[in-house]
Amino acid sequence: MIGTKVLEERKSRHNGSLRVVRTLGMGTYIQSNGLTQSGGIVESIWKQTLRRINHKSSIINHCLILGLGGGTVAKLIRKKWSEIKITGVEIDPLMVELGKKYLGLDDWNVEIKITDAFDYLVNHQSLTINRYDLVIVDLYNGDRFPEKFETENYIHLVESNLAKSGVAVFNRLYYGDKRPETVKFGRKLEKIFSKVAWFYPEANLMFLCSK
């Protein structure tokens, strides 16, 4: 494509082939096995989604991002709620490194935890720390959503770490053969959360869940 430049290519044991690309239309973004993970179209998708969260800034004090990636969601949240405390959990240190190098991750004042998102919630639960007002669940490895994050056990962990008036947003891909499994996942969320709104930006389905 004219105007496209590959800035860096790396191999990750968690996300496979990572590529940082810059285009005239979409700016700089990080791809995993050809699928954009941070920046580019991902930023547009999350902008649309966060507009649907109508809380006043005083209510959103603490956010947890499960699947920080290169930091796109953290940037948008920081711009929307400037005083919020953001904790970002990411298993892949290479994604964080590329986010800092190319997407300005260091600028968004995120407390970064390099660990597995399942283990993080289990440990956080045991510490009985204050719950989160906003939880973002964006746990893809390329185009694959690991099975352990689809279990009712994990969904219950997310729900139990959410403040009473908080919102949890689950991002799932929604195209081709991924549609049935994403719908099935949505039905599972409806068993655990009192309210689940389904939102369809681009080729994704976002579930906005509350107690």
N, C-alpha and C. Protein backbone atom coordinates (compact mmCIF):
# COMPACT_ATOMS: atom_id res chain seq x y z
N MET A 1 0.85 -1.19 0.00
CA MET A 1 0.00 0.00 0.00
C MET A 1 0.89 1.25 0.00
N ILE A 2 0.52 2.23 -0.85
CA ILE A 2 1.29 3.47 -0.93
C ILE A 2 1.21 4.21 0.40
N GLY A 3 2.35 4.71 0.85
CA GLY A 3 2.37 5.44 2.11
C GLY A 3 2.50 4.57 3.33
N THR A 4 2.71 3.26 3.15
CA THR A 4 2.86 2.32 4.27
C THR A 4 4.33 2.04 4.52
N LYS A 5 4.73 2.11 5.78
CA LYS A 5 6.12 1.84 6.14
C LYS A 5 6.16 0.92 7.35
N VAL A 6 6.90 -0.16 7.26
CA VAL A 6 7.10 -1.07 8.39
C VAL A 6 8.28 -0.54 9.21
N LEU A 7 8.00 -0.16 10.46
CA LEU A 7 9.02 0.45 11.31
C LEU A 7 9.86 -0.59 12.05
N GLU A 8 9.23 -1.72 12.41
CA GLU A 8 9.96 -2.75 13.15
C GLU A 8 9.19 -4.06 13.10
N GLU A 9 9.91 -5.17 13.06
CA GLU A 9 9.31 -6.50 13.12
C GLU A 9 10.02 -7.31 14.19
N ARG A 10 9.23 -7.96 15.05
CA ARG A 10 9.79 -8.75 16.15
C ARG A 10 9.01 -10.05 16.31
N LYS A 11 9.63 -11.03 16.93
CA LYS A 11 8.97 -12.30 17.25
C LYS A 11 8.68 -12.34 18.75
N SER A 12 7.44 -12.64 19.10
CA SER A 12 7.02 -12.72 20.50
C SER A 12 6.57 -14.14 20.82
N ARG A 13 6.95 -14.65 21.97
CA ARG A 13 6.50 -15.99 22.35
C ARG A 13 5.03 -16.00 22.76
N HIS A 14 4.49 -14.83 23.04
CA HIS A 14 3.08 -14.73 23.42
C HIS A 14 2.18 -14.37 22.25
N ASN A 15 2.65 -13.48 21.37
CA ASN A 15 1.80 -12.95 20.30
C ASN A 15 2.29 -13.27 18.90
N GLY A 16 3.29 -14.13 18.78
CA GLY A 16 3.76 -14.52 17.46
C GLY A 16 4.51 -13.39 16.76
N SER A 17 4.19 -13.15 15.50
CA SER A 17 4.88 -12.15 14.70
C SER A 17 4.30 -10.76 14.95
N LEU A 18 5.11 -9.87 15.51
CA LEU A 18 4.68 -8.50 15.78
C LEU A 18 5.31 -7.56 14.75
N ARG A 19 4.50 -6.63 14.29
CA ARG A 19 4.97 -5.68 13.29
C ARG A 19 4.44 -4.28 13.62
N VAL A 20 5.32 -3.30 13.62
CA VAL A 20 4.91 -1.91 13.82
C VAL A 20 4.85 -1.25 12.44
N VAL A 21 3.67 -0.69 12.13
CA VAL A 21 3.42 -0.14 10.80
C VAL A 21 2.98 1.32 10.92
N ARG A 22 3.39 2.14 9.95
CA ARG A 22 2.90 3.51 9.88
C ARG A 22 2.30 3.74 8.49
N THR A 23 1.06 4.25 8.47
CA THR A 23 0.41 4.58 7.20
C THR A 23 -0.09 6.02 7.26
N LEU A 24 -0.35 6.58 6.10
CA LEU A 24 -0.82 7.96 6.02
C LEU A 24 -2.20 8.09 6.66
N GLY A 25 -3.06 7.09 6.45
CA GLY A 25 -4.43 7.18 6.92
C GLY A 25 -4.63 6.80 8.38
N MET A 26 -3.89 5.81 8.87
CA MET A 26 -4.14 5.24 10.20
C MET A 26 -3.04 5.53 11.21
N GLY A 27 -2.00 6.23 10.83
CA GLY A 27 -0.92 6.53 11.76
C GLY A 27 -0.09 5.29 12.07
N THR A 28 0.43 5.21 13.29
CA THR A 28 1.29 4.11 13.71
C THR A 28 0.49 3.10 14.52
N TYR A 29 0.66 1.82 14.21
CA TYR A 29 -0.06 0.78 14.93
C TYR A 29 0.77 -0.49 15.00
N ILE A 30 0.40 -1.36 15.95
CA ILE A 30 1.10 -2.63 16.15
C ILE A 30 0.18 -3.77 15.72
N GLN A 31 0.71 -4.66 14.88
CA GLN A 31 -0.03 -5.83 14.44
C GLN A 31 0.56 -7.10 15.03
N SER A 32 -0.33 -8.05 15.36
CA SER A 32 0.09 -9.38 15.78
C SER A 32 -0.45 -10.37 14.76
N ASN A 33 0.46 -11.05 14.06
CA ASN A 33 0.08 -12.00 13.01
C ASN A 33 -0.90 -11.37 12.02
N GLY A 34 -0.65 -10.10 11.69
CA GLY A 34 -1.45 -9.41 10.69
C GLY A 34 -2.69 -8.71 11.20
N LEU A 35 -3.04 -8.91 12.49
CA LEU A 35 -4.22 -8.27 13.07
C LEU A 35 -3.80 -7.11 13.96
N THR A 36 -4.40 -5.94 13.75
CA THR A 36 -4.03 -4.77 14.53
C THR A 36 -4.42 -4.94 15.99
N GLN A 37 -3.45 -4.75 16.89
CA GLN A 37 -3.66 -4.91 18.33
C GLN A 37 -3.71 -3.56 19.06
N SER A 38 -2.93 -2.60 18.61
CA SER A 38 -2.86 -1.29 19.26
C SER A 38 -2.68 -0.23 18.19
N GLY A 39 -3.30 0.94 18.42
CA GLY A 39 -3.23 2.01 17.44
C GLY A 39 -4.16 1.74 16.26
N GLY A 40 -4.12 2.62 15.26
CA GLY A 40 -4.90 2.41 14.04
C GLY A 40 -6.39 2.25 14.28
N ILE A 41 -6.99 1.24 13.65
CA ILE A 41 -8.43 1.00 13.74
C ILE A 41 -8.86 0.67 15.17
N VAL A 42 -7.96 0.10 15.96
CA VAL A 42 -8.28 -0.23 17.35
C VAL A 42 -8.63 1.04 18.13
N GLU A 43 -7.93 2.12 17.86
CA GLU A 43 -8.22 3.38 18.54
C GLU A 43 -9.63 3.87 18.20
N SER A 44 -10.01 3.76 16.95
CA SER A 44 -11.35 4.16 16.54
C SER A 44 -12.43 3.33 17.23
N ILE A 45 -12.20 2.02 17.32
CA ILE A 45 -13.17 1.12 17.96
C ILE A 45 -13.38 1.47 19.42
N TRP A 46 -12.27 1.72 20.13
CA TRP A 46 -12.38 2.03 21.55
C TRP A 46 -12.92 3.43 21.81
N LYS A 47 -12.65 4.37 20.93
CA LYS A 47 -13.24 5.71 21.06
C LYS A 47 -14.76 5.60 21.05
N GLN A 48 -15.28 4.84 20.07
CA GLN A 48 -16.73 4.66 19.96
C GLN A 48 -17.30 4.00 21.21
N THR A 49 -16.57 3.02 21.72
CA THR A 49 -17.06 2.26 22.87
C THR A 49 -17.07 3.10 24.14
N LEU A 50 -15.99 3.83 24.39
CA LEU A 50 -15.89 4.62 25.63
C LEU A 50 -16.92 5.76 25.66
N ARG A 51 -17.36 6.22 24.50
CA ARG A 51 -18.41 7.24 24.46
C ARG A 51 -19.71 6.73 25.08
N ARG A 52 -19.88 5.43 25.13
CA ARG A 52 -21.11 4.85 25.64
C ARG A 52 -21.10 4.70 27.16
N ILE A 53 -19.97 5.04 27.78
CA ILE A 53 -19.89 5.02 29.24
C ILE A 53 -20.17 6.44 29.73
N ASN A 54 -21.30 6.61 30.39
CA ASN A 54 -21.79 7.95 30.70
C ASN A 54 -21.49 8.42 32.11
N HIS A 55 -20.62 7.70 32.82
CA HIS A 55 -20.31 8.10 34.20
C HIS A 55 -19.66 9.48 34.24
N LYS A 56 -19.93 10.21 35.30
CA LYS A 56 -19.23 11.47 35.53
C LYS A 56 -17.80 11.17 35.93
N SER A 57 -16.92 12.11 35.64
CA SER A 57 -15.50 11.87 35.89
C SER A 57 -15.21 11.59 37.36
N SER A 58 -16.02 12.13 38.27
CA SER A 58 -15.76 11.94 39.69
C SER A 58 -16.03 10.50 40.14
N ILE A 59 -16.79 9.77 39.34
CA ILE A 59 -17.15 8.40 39.72
C ILE A 59 -16.10 7.41 39.23
N ILE A 60 -15.49 7.67 38.11
CA ILE A 60 -14.47 6.78 37.56
C ILE A 60 -13.12 7.17 38.15
N ASN A 61 -12.73 6.49 39.20
CA ASN A 61 -11.48 6.81 39.89
C ASN A 61 -10.35 5.82 39.62
N HIS A 62 -10.71 4.56 39.38
CA HIS A 62 -9.69 3.52 39.25
C HIS A 62 -10.09 2.57 38.12
N CYS A 63 -9.20 2.41 37.16
CA CYS A 63 -9.45 1.56 35.99
C CYS A 63 -8.43 0.43 35.93
N LEU A 64 -8.91 -0.74 35.55
CA LEU A 64 -8.04 -1.89 35.32
C LEU A 64 -8.16 -2.30 33.85
N ILE A 65 -7.03 -2.38 33.16
CA ILE A 65 -7.01 -2.84 31.78
C ILE A 65 -6.35 -4.22 31.75
N LEU A 66 -7.13 -5.23 31.42
CA LEU A 66 -6.61 -6.59 31.30
C LEU A 66 -6.32 -6.83 29.82
N GLY A 67 -5.04 -6.79 29.47
CA GLY A 67 -4.63 -6.83 28.07
C GLY A 67 -4.26 -5.43 27.62
N LEU A 68 -3.23 -4.87 28.24
CA LEU A 68 -2.82 -3.48 27.99
C LEU A 68 -2.32 -3.29 26.57
N GLY A 69 -1.62 -4.29 26.01
CA GLY A 69 -1.05 -4.16 24.68
C GLY A 69 -0.08 -2.99 24.61
N GLY A 70 -0.20 -2.19 23.55
CA GLY A 70 0.68 -1.04 23.38
C GLY A 70 0.16 0.22 24.03
N GLY A 71 -1.03 0.15 24.67
CA GLY A 71 -1.51 1.26 25.48
C GLY A 71 -2.56 2.16 24.84
N THR A 72 -3.17 1.73 23.74
CA THR A 72 -4.17 2.57 23.07
C THR A 72 -5.35 2.91 23.97
N VAL A 73 -5.90 1.90 24.65
CA VAL A 73 -7.06 2.14 25.51
C VAL A 73 -6.67 3.03 26.69
N ALA A 74 -5.48 2.81 27.23
CA ALA A 74 -5.00 3.64 28.34
C ALA A 74 -4.94 5.11 27.92
N LYS A 75 -4.47 5.38 26.73
CA LYS A 75 -4.40 6.76 26.24
C LYS A 75 -5.79 7.39 26.18
N LEU A 76 -6.75 6.67 25.62
CA LEU A 76 -8.10 7.20 25.48
C LEU A 76 -8.77 7.43 26.83
N ILE A 77 -8.54 6.50 27.76
CA ILE A 77 -9.11 6.64 29.10
C ILE A 77 -8.50 7.82 29.84
N ARG A 78 -7.19 8.00 29.72
CA ARG A 78 -6.51 9.12 30.36
C ARG A 78 -7.03 10.45 29.82
N LYS A 79 -7.31 10.51 28.53
CA LYS A 79 -7.82 11.74 27.94
C LYS A 79 -9.26 12.02 28.37
N LYS A 80 -10.03 10.96 28.60
CA LYS A 80 -11.44 11.11 28.98
C LYS A 80 -11.60 11.41 30.47
N TRP A 81 -10.79 10.73 31.30
CA TRP A 81 -10.84 10.94 32.76
C TRP A 81 -9.41 11.23 33.22
N SER A 82 -9.04 12.49 33.24
CA SER A 82 -7.63 12.87 33.41
C SER A 82 -7.04 12.46 34.75
N GLU A 83 -7.86 12.37 35.81
CA GLU A 83 -7.34 12.08 37.15
C GLU A 83 -7.41 10.60 37.52
N ILE A 84 -7.86 9.77 36.63
CA ILE A 84 -8.08 8.35 36.94
C ILE A 84 -6.75 7.62 37.20
N LYS A 85 -6.79 6.66 38.09
CA LYS A 85 -5.64 5.77 38.30
C LYS A 85 -5.82 4.56 37.39
N ILE A 86 -4.83 4.29 36.56
CA ILE A 86 -4.92 3.20 35.59
C ILE A 86 -3.89 2.12 35.93
N THR A 87 -4.38 0.89 36.05
CA THR A 87 -3.50 -0.27 36.19
C THR A 87 -3.64 -1.10 34.92
N GLY A 88 -2.53 -1.37 34.26
CA GLY A 88 -2.55 -2.14 33.02
C GLY A 88 -1.82 -3.46 33.19
N VAL A 89 -2.51 -4.55 32.88
CA VAL A 89 -1.94 -5.90 32.99
C VAL A 89 -1.65 -6.43 31.58
N GLU A 90 -0.43 -6.85 31.35
CA GLU A 90 -0.02 -7.35 30.04
C GLU A 90 1.00 -8.47 30.21
N ILE A 91 0.72 -9.60 29.59
CA ILE A 91 1.63 -10.75 29.73
C ILE A 91 2.87 -10.63 28.86
N ASP A 92 2.79 -9.82 27.79
CA ASP A 92 3.86 -9.76 26.81
C ASP A 92 4.71 -8.50 26.99
N PRO A 93 5.91 -8.63 27.55
CA PRO A 93 6.76 -7.45 27.75
C PRO A 93 7.16 -6.78 26.44
N LEU A 94 7.17 -7.55 25.35
CA LEU A 94 7.54 -6.98 24.06
C LEU A 94 6.47 -6.00 23.56
N MET A 95 5.19 -6.32 23.80
CA MET A 95 4.12 -5.40 23.44
C MET A 95 4.26 -4.08 24.19
N VAL A 96 4.59 -4.18 25.47
CA VAL A 96 4.79 -2.97 26.28
C VAL A 96 5.98 -2.17 25.77
N GLU A 97 7.06 -2.89 25.44
CA GLU A 97 8.26 -2.21 24.91
C GLU A 97 7.94 -1.44 23.63
N LEU A 98 7.20 -2.07 22.72
CA LEU A 98 6.85 -1.42 21.45
C LEU A 98 5.86 -0.28 21.68
N GLY A 99 4.96 -0.46 22.65
CA GLY A 99 4.03 0.61 22.99
C GLY A 99 4.75 1.85 23.49
N LYS A 100 5.76 1.64 24.31
CA LYS A 100 6.56 2.77 24.82
C LYS A 100 7.35 3.43 23.71
N LYS A 101 7.88 2.62 22.82
CA LYS A 101 8.76 3.13 21.76
C LYS A 101 8.01 3.88 20.67
N TYR A 102 6.81 3.38 20.31
CA TYR A 102 6.12 3.92 19.14
C TYR A 102 4.77 4.58 19.43
N LEU A 103 4.11 4.23 20.54
CA LEU A 103 2.75 4.72 20.78
C LEU A 103 2.64 5.63 22.00
N GLY A 104 3.77 5.99 22.59
CA GLY A 104 3.76 6.95 23.70
C GLY A 104 3.19 6.40 24.99
N LEU A 105 3.30 5.10 25.22
CA LEU A 105 2.73 4.48 26.41
C LEU A 105 3.21 5.14 27.70
N ASP A 106 4.46 5.55 27.73
CA ASP A 106 5.01 6.19 28.94
C ASP A 106 4.30 7.51 29.29
N ASP A 107 3.60 8.09 28.33
CA ASP A 107 2.97 9.40 28.56
C ASP A 107 1.66 9.32 29.33
N TRP A 108 1.12 8.11 29.51
CA TRP A 108 -0.26 7.99 30.01
C TRP A 108 -0.35 7.57 31.48
N ASN A 109 0.78 7.57 32.17
CA ASN A 109 0.80 7.34 33.62
C ASN A 109 0.04 6.07 34.01
N VAL A 110 0.51 4.95 33.48
CA VAL A 110 -0.10 3.65 33.75
C VAL A 110 0.79 2.84 34.67
N GLU A 111 0.20 2.26 35.70
CA GLU A 111 0.93 1.31 36.54
C GLU A 111 0.90 -0.03 35.82
N ILE A 112 2.03 -0.45 35.28
CA ILE A 112 2.07 -1.63 34.40
C ILE A 112 2.47 -2.87 35.19
N LYS A 113 1.69 -3.93 35.02
CA LYS A 113 1.97 -5.23 35.63
C LYS A 113 2.23 -6.24 34.51
N ILE A 114 3.46 -6.74 34.43
CA ILE A 114 3.78 -7.77 33.44
C ILE A 114 3.48 -9.13 34.06
N THR A 115 2.29 -9.62 33.79
CA THR A 115 1.86 -10.89 34.37
C THR A 115 0.65 -11.41 33.62
N ASP A 116 0.26 -12.62 33.92
CA ASP A 116 -0.92 -13.22 33.32
C ASP A 116 -2.18 -12.61 33.93
N ALA A 117 -3.16 -12.28 33.09
CA ALA A 117 -4.37 -11.60 33.56
C ALA A 117 -5.23 -12.48 34.46
N PHE A 118 -5.12 -13.78 34.33
CA PHE A 118 -5.85 -14.69 35.23
C PHE A 118 -5.23 -14.64 36.62
N ASP A 119 -3.92 -14.79 36.66
CA ASP A 119 -3.21 -14.78 37.94
C ASP A 119 -3.39 -13.44 38.65
N TYR A 120 -3.39 -12.37 37.88
CA TYR A 120 -3.52 -11.05 38.50
C TYR A 120 -4.84 -10.93 39.26
N LEU A 121 -5.93 -11.34 38.65
CA LEU A 121 -7.23 -11.21 39.32
C LEU A 121 -7.34 -12.13 40.53
N VAL A 122 -6.80 -13.32 40.43
CA VAL A 122 -6.81 -14.24 41.57
C VAL A 122 -6.07 -13.63 42.75
N ASN A 123 -4.90 -13.08 42.48
CA ASN A 123 -4.09 -12.48 43.55
C ASN A 123 -4.71 -11.20 44.08
N HIS A 124 -5.28 -10.41 43.19
CA HIS A 124 -5.92 -9.16 43.61
C HIS A 124 -7.11 -9.45 44.50
N GLN A 125 -7.85 -10.51 44.15
CA GLN A 125 -9.01 -10.92 44.95
C GLN A 125 -8.59 -11.22 46.38
N SER A 126 -7.48 -11.92 46.52
CA SER A 126 -7.04 -12.34 47.85
C SER A 126 -6.54 -11.17 48.71
N LEU A 127 -6.19 -10.06 48.04
CA LEU A 127 -5.67 -8.91 48.78
C LEU A 127 -6.77 -7.97 49.26
N THR A 128 -7.99 -8.20 48.78
CA THR A 128 -9.16 -7.37 49.13
C THR A 128 -8.88 -5.87 49.00
N ILE A 129 -8.24 -5.50 47.90
CA ILE A 129 -7.99 -4.09 47.60
C ILE A 129 -9.29 -3.46 47.07
N ASN A 130 -9.37 -2.14 47.10
CA ASN A 130 -10.55 -1.47 46.56
C ASN A 130 -10.86 -1.94 45.14
N ARG A 131 -12.14 -2.07 44.86
CA ARG A 131 -12.55 -2.55 43.55
C ARG A 131 -12.42 -1.45 42.49
N TYR A 132 -12.51 -1.87 41.22
CA TYR A 132 -12.31 -0.96 40.09
C TYR A 132 -13.64 -0.40 39.59
N ASP A 133 -13.62 0.87 39.17
CA ASP A 133 -14.80 1.51 38.61
C ASP A 133 -14.98 1.17 37.13
N LEU A 134 -13.88 0.85 36.47
CA LEU A 134 -13.90 0.48 35.06
C LEU A 134 -12.90 -0.63 34.83
N VAL A 135 -13.37 -1.73 34.23
CA VAL A 135 -12.49 -2.85 33.89
C VAL A 135 -12.59 -3.08 32.38
N ILE A 136 -11.46 -3.06 31.71
CA ILE A 136 -11.39 -3.35 30.27
C ILE A 136 -10.80 -4.75 30.11
N VAL A 137 -11.50 -5.61 29.40
CA VAL A 137 -11.02 -6.98 29.16
C VAL A 137 -10.77 -7.13 27.67
N ASP A 138 -9.49 -7.15 27.29
CA ASP A 138 -9.09 -7.16 25.88
C ASP A 138 -7.93 -8.14 25.72
N LEU A 139 -8.25 -9.42 25.82
CA LEU A 139 -7.23 -10.44 26.07
C LEU A 139 -6.94 -11.34 24.87
N TYR A 140 -6.74 -10.75 23.72
CA TYR A 140 -6.43 -11.53 22.53
C TYR A 140 -4.95 -11.81 22.37
N ASN A 141 -4.65 -13.01 21.88
CA ASN A 141 -3.33 -13.32 21.33
C ASN A 141 -3.53 -13.42 19.82
N GLY A 142 -3.18 -12.36 19.09
CA GLY A 142 -3.53 -12.32 17.67
C GLY A 142 -5.04 -12.27 17.54
N ASP A 143 -5.62 -13.27 16.83
CA ASP A 143 -7.09 -13.32 16.71
C ASP A 143 -7.69 -14.39 17.62
N ARG A 144 -6.90 -14.87 18.57
CA ARG A 144 -7.37 -15.95 19.45
C ARG A 144 -7.65 -15.43 20.85
N PHE A 145 -8.85 -15.74 21.36
CA PHE A 145 -9.22 -15.39 22.73
C PHE A 145 -9.03 -16.64 23.58
N PRO A 146 -8.00 -16.69 24.45
CA PRO A 146 -7.69 -17.90 25.20
C PRO A 146 -8.89 -18.43 25.99
N GLU A 147 -9.07 -19.74 25.96
CA GLU A 147 -10.24 -20.37 26.57
C GLU A 147 -10.38 -20.07 28.05
N LYS A 148 -9.27 -19.94 28.76
CA LYS A 148 -9.37 -19.74 30.22
C LYS A 148 -10.04 -18.42 30.57
N PHE A 149 -10.03 -17.46 29.61
CA PHE A 149 -10.69 -16.19 29.87
C PHE A 149 -12.17 -16.21 29.47
N GLU A 150 -12.62 -17.32 28.90
CA GLU A 150 -14.04 -17.47 28.55
C GLU A 150 -14.84 -18.19 29.63
N THR A 151 -14.15 -18.72 30.62
CA THR A 151 -14.83 -19.52 31.63
C THR A 151 -15.67 -18.66 32.57
N GLU A 152 -16.73 -19.25 33.11
CA GLU A 152 -17.55 -18.53 34.08
C GLU A 152 -16.73 -18.17 35.32
N ASN A 153 -15.77 -19.00 35.66
CA ASN A 153 -14.89 -18.71 36.80
C ASN A 153 -14.17 -17.38 36.59
N TYR A 154 -13.61 -17.17 35.38
CA TYR A 154 -12.89 -15.92 35.14
C TYR A 154 -13.84 -14.73 35.08
N ILE A 155 -14.99 -14.92 34.47
CA ILE A 155 -15.97 -13.83 34.40
C ILE A 155 -16.40 -13.43 35.81
N HIS A 156 -16.58 -14.42 36.69
CA HIS A 156 -16.92 -14.12 38.08
C HIS A 156 -15.80 -13.33 38.76
N LEU A 157 -14.54 -13.64 38.43
CA LEU A 157 -13.41 -12.89 38.99
C LEU A 157 -13.47 -11.42 38.56
N VAL A 158 -13.77 -11.20 37.29
CA VAL A 158 -13.91 -9.82 36.81
C VAL A 158 -15.04 -9.12 37.55
N GLU A 159 -16.18 -9.78 37.65
CA GLU A 159 -17.36 -9.20 38.30
C GLU A 159 -17.07 -8.87 39.77
N SER A 160 -16.36 -9.74 40.45
CA SER A 160 -16.10 -9.53 41.88
C SER A 160 -15.09 -8.41 42.12
N ASN A 161 -14.29 -8.07 41.11
CA ASN A 161 -13.33 -6.98 41.22
C ASN A 161 -13.91 -5.64 40.76
N LEU A 162 -15.18 -5.65 40.35
CA LEU A 162 -15.83 -4.45 39.85
C LEU A 162 -16.59 -3.75 40.98
N ALA A 163 -16.45 -2.43 41.04
CA ALA A 163 -17.20 -1.65 42.03
C ALA A 163 -18.70 -1.77 41.76
N LYS A 164 -19.49 -1.48 42.79
CA LYS A 164 -20.94 -1.65 42.69
C LYS A 164 -21.54 -0.89 41.53
N SER A 165 -21.05 0.32 41.28
CA SER A 165 -21.59 1.13 40.18
C SER A 165 -20.67 1.11 38.96
N GLY A 166 -19.73 0.16 38.92
CA GLY A 166 -18.73 0.12 37.85
C GLY A 166 -19.22 -0.52 36.57
N VAL A 167 -18.36 -0.45 35.56
CA VAL A 167 -18.64 -1.01 34.24
C VAL A 167 -17.45 -1.87 33.81
N ALA A 168 -17.75 -3.08 33.33
CA ALA A 168 -16.73 -3.94 32.73
C ALA A 168 -17.00 -4.04 31.24
N VAL A 169 -15.98 -3.83 30.42
CA VAL A 169 -16.14 -3.88 28.97
C VAL A 169 -15.30 -5.04 28.43
N PHE A 170 -15.98 -5.98 27.78
CA PHE A 170 -15.31 -7.13 27.17
C PHE A 170 -15.27 -6.92 25.66
N ASN A 171 -14.08 -7.01 25.08
CA ASN A 171 -13.92 -6.87 23.64
C ASN A 171 -13.80 -8.25 22.99
N ARG A 172 -14.68 -8.52 22.01
CA ARG A 172 -14.58 -9.77 21.26
C ARG A 172 -14.66 -9.47 19.76
N LEU A 173 -13.91 -10.24 18.99
CA LEU A 173 -14.00 -10.13 17.53
C LEU A 173 -15.34 -10.71 17.07
N TYR A 174 -15.88 -10.12 15.99
CA TYR A 174 -17.21 -10.52 15.54
C TYR A 174 -17.27 -10.52 14.01
N TYR A 175 -16.65 -11.54 13.43
CA TYR A 175 -16.73 -11.71 11.98
C TYR A 175 -16.56 -13.19 11.65
N GLY A 176 -17.12 -13.61 10.53
CA GLY A 176 -16.97 -14.99 10.07
C GLY A 176 -17.33 -16.02 11.11
N ASP A 177 -16.45 -17.01 11.27
CA ASP A 177 -16.74 -18.11 12.20
C ASP A 177 -16.58 -17.71 13.66
N LYS A 178 -16.16 -16.47 13.92
CA LYS A 178 -16.04 -16.01 15.31
C LYS A 178 -17.38 -15.55 15.88
N ARG A 179 -18.35 -15.29 15.02
CA ARG A 179 -19.63 -14.76 15.49
C ARG A 179 -20.35 -15.69 16.47
N PRO A 180 -20.50 -16.98 16.15
CA PRO A 180 -21.23 -17.85 17.09
C PRO A 180 -20.58 -17.93 18.46
N GLU A 181 -19.25 -18.03 18.52
CA GLU A 181 -18.58 -18.14 19.82
C GLU A 181 -18.67 -16.83 20.60
N THR A 182 -18.69 -15.71 19.89
CA THR A 182 -18.83 -14.42 20.57
C THR A 182 -20.23 -14.25 21.14
N VAL A 183 -21.24 -14.66 20.38
CA VAL A 183 -22.62 -14.60 20.88
C VAL A 183 -22.78 -15.51 22.10
N LYS A 184 -22.20 -16.71 22.03
CA LYS A 184 -22.24 -17.64 23.15
C LYS A 184 -21.60 -17.03 24.40
N PHE A 185 -20.50 -16.32 24.19
CA PHE A 185 -19.82 -15.65 25.29
C PHE A 185 -20.72 -14.57 25.89
N GLY A 186 -21.41 -13.83 25.04
CA GLY A 186 -22.33 -12.80 25.52
C GLY A 186 -23.43 -13.37 26.39
N ARG A 187 -23.96 -14.52 26.01
CA ARG A 187 -25.01 -15.17 26.81
C ARG A 187 -24.47 -15.59 28.18
N LYS A 188 -23.21 -15.98 28.19
CA LYS A 188 -22.57 -16.35 29.45
C LYS A 188 -22.44 -15.13 30.37
N LEU A 189 -22.07 -13.99 29.77
CA LEU A 189 -21.98 -12.76 30.55
C LEU A 189 -23.33 -12.38 31.16
N GLU A 190 -24.40 -12.62 30.43
CA GLU A 190 -25.74 -12.26 30.89
C GLU A 190 -26.20 -13.09 32.09
N LYS A 191 -25.56 -14.22 32.28
CA LYS A 191 -25.87 -15.04 33.46
C LYS A 191 -25.23 -14.48 34.73
N ILE A 192 -24.17 -13.70 34.55
CA ILE A 192 -23.36 -13.26 35.69
C ILE A 192 -23.58 -11.79 36.03
N PHE A 193 -23.75 -10.95 35.01
CA PHE A 193 -23.98 -9.52 35.24
C PHE A 193 -25.47 -9.20 35.13
N SER A 194 -25.92 -8.21 35.90
CA SER A 194 -27.33 -7.82 35.88
C SER A 194 -27.72 -7.16 34.57
N LYS A 195 -26.77 -6.39 34.00
CA LYS A 195 -27.06 -5.69 32.76
C LYS A 195 -25.90 -5.85 31.80
N VAL A 196 -26.20 -6.24 30.55
CA VAL A 196 -25.17 -6.39 29.52
C VAL A 196 -25.67 -5.71 28.24
N ALA A 197 -24.99 -4.65 27.83
CA ALA A 197 -25.33 -3.96 26.58
C ALA A 197 -24.40 -4.45 25.48
N TRP A 198 -24.97 -4.79 24.31
CA TRP A 198 -24.19 -5.28 23.17
C TRP A 198 -23.98 -4.12 22.20
N PHE A 199 -22.73 -3.86 21.86
CA PHE A 199 -22.38 -2.75 20.98
C PHE A 199 -21.48 -3.26 19.86
N TYR A 200 -21.77 -2.87 18.62
CA TYR A 200 -21.09 -3.43 17.45
C TYR A 200 -20.28 -2.38 16.68
N PRO A 201 -19.05 -2.07 17.09
CA PRO A 201 -18.21 -1.19 16.27
C PRO A 201 -17.32 -2.02 15.33
N GLU A 202 -17.27 -1.64 14.07
CA GLU A 202 -16.41 -2.31 13.08
C GLU A 202 -16.67 -3.83 13.06
N ALA A 203 -15.61 -4.64 13.18
CA ALA A 203 -15.74 -6.10 13.17
C ALA A 203 -15.64 -6.68 14.58
N ASN A 204 -16.06 -5.89 15.56
CA ASN A 204 -15.98 -6.28 16.96
C ASN A 204 -17.37 -6.24 17.59
N LEU A 205 -17.49 -6.97 18.71
CA LEU A 205 -18.70 -6.87 19.54
C LEU A 205 -18.22 -6.54 20.93
N MET A 206 -18.67 -5.41 21.45
CA MET A 206 -18.28 -4.97 22.78
C MET A 206 -19.45 -5.22 23.75
N PHE A 207 -19.12 -5.84 24.86
CA PHE A 207 -20.13 -6.08 25.91
C PHE A 207 -19.87 -5.13 27.07
N LEU A 208 -20.80 -4.24 27.35
CA LEU A 208 -20.68 -3.31 28.47
C LEU A 208 -21.53 -3.85 29.62
N CYS A 209 -20.86 -4.29 30.67
CA CYS A 209 -21.52 -5.06 31.74
C CYS A 209 -21.52 -4.29 33.07
N SER A 210 -22.62 -4.40 33.78
CA SER A 210 -22.69 -3.78 35.11
C SER A 210 -23.45 -4.69 36.06
N LYS A 211 -23.26 -4.43 37.37
CA LYS A 211 -23.87 -5.28 38.40
C LYS A 211 -25.35 -4.96 38.55
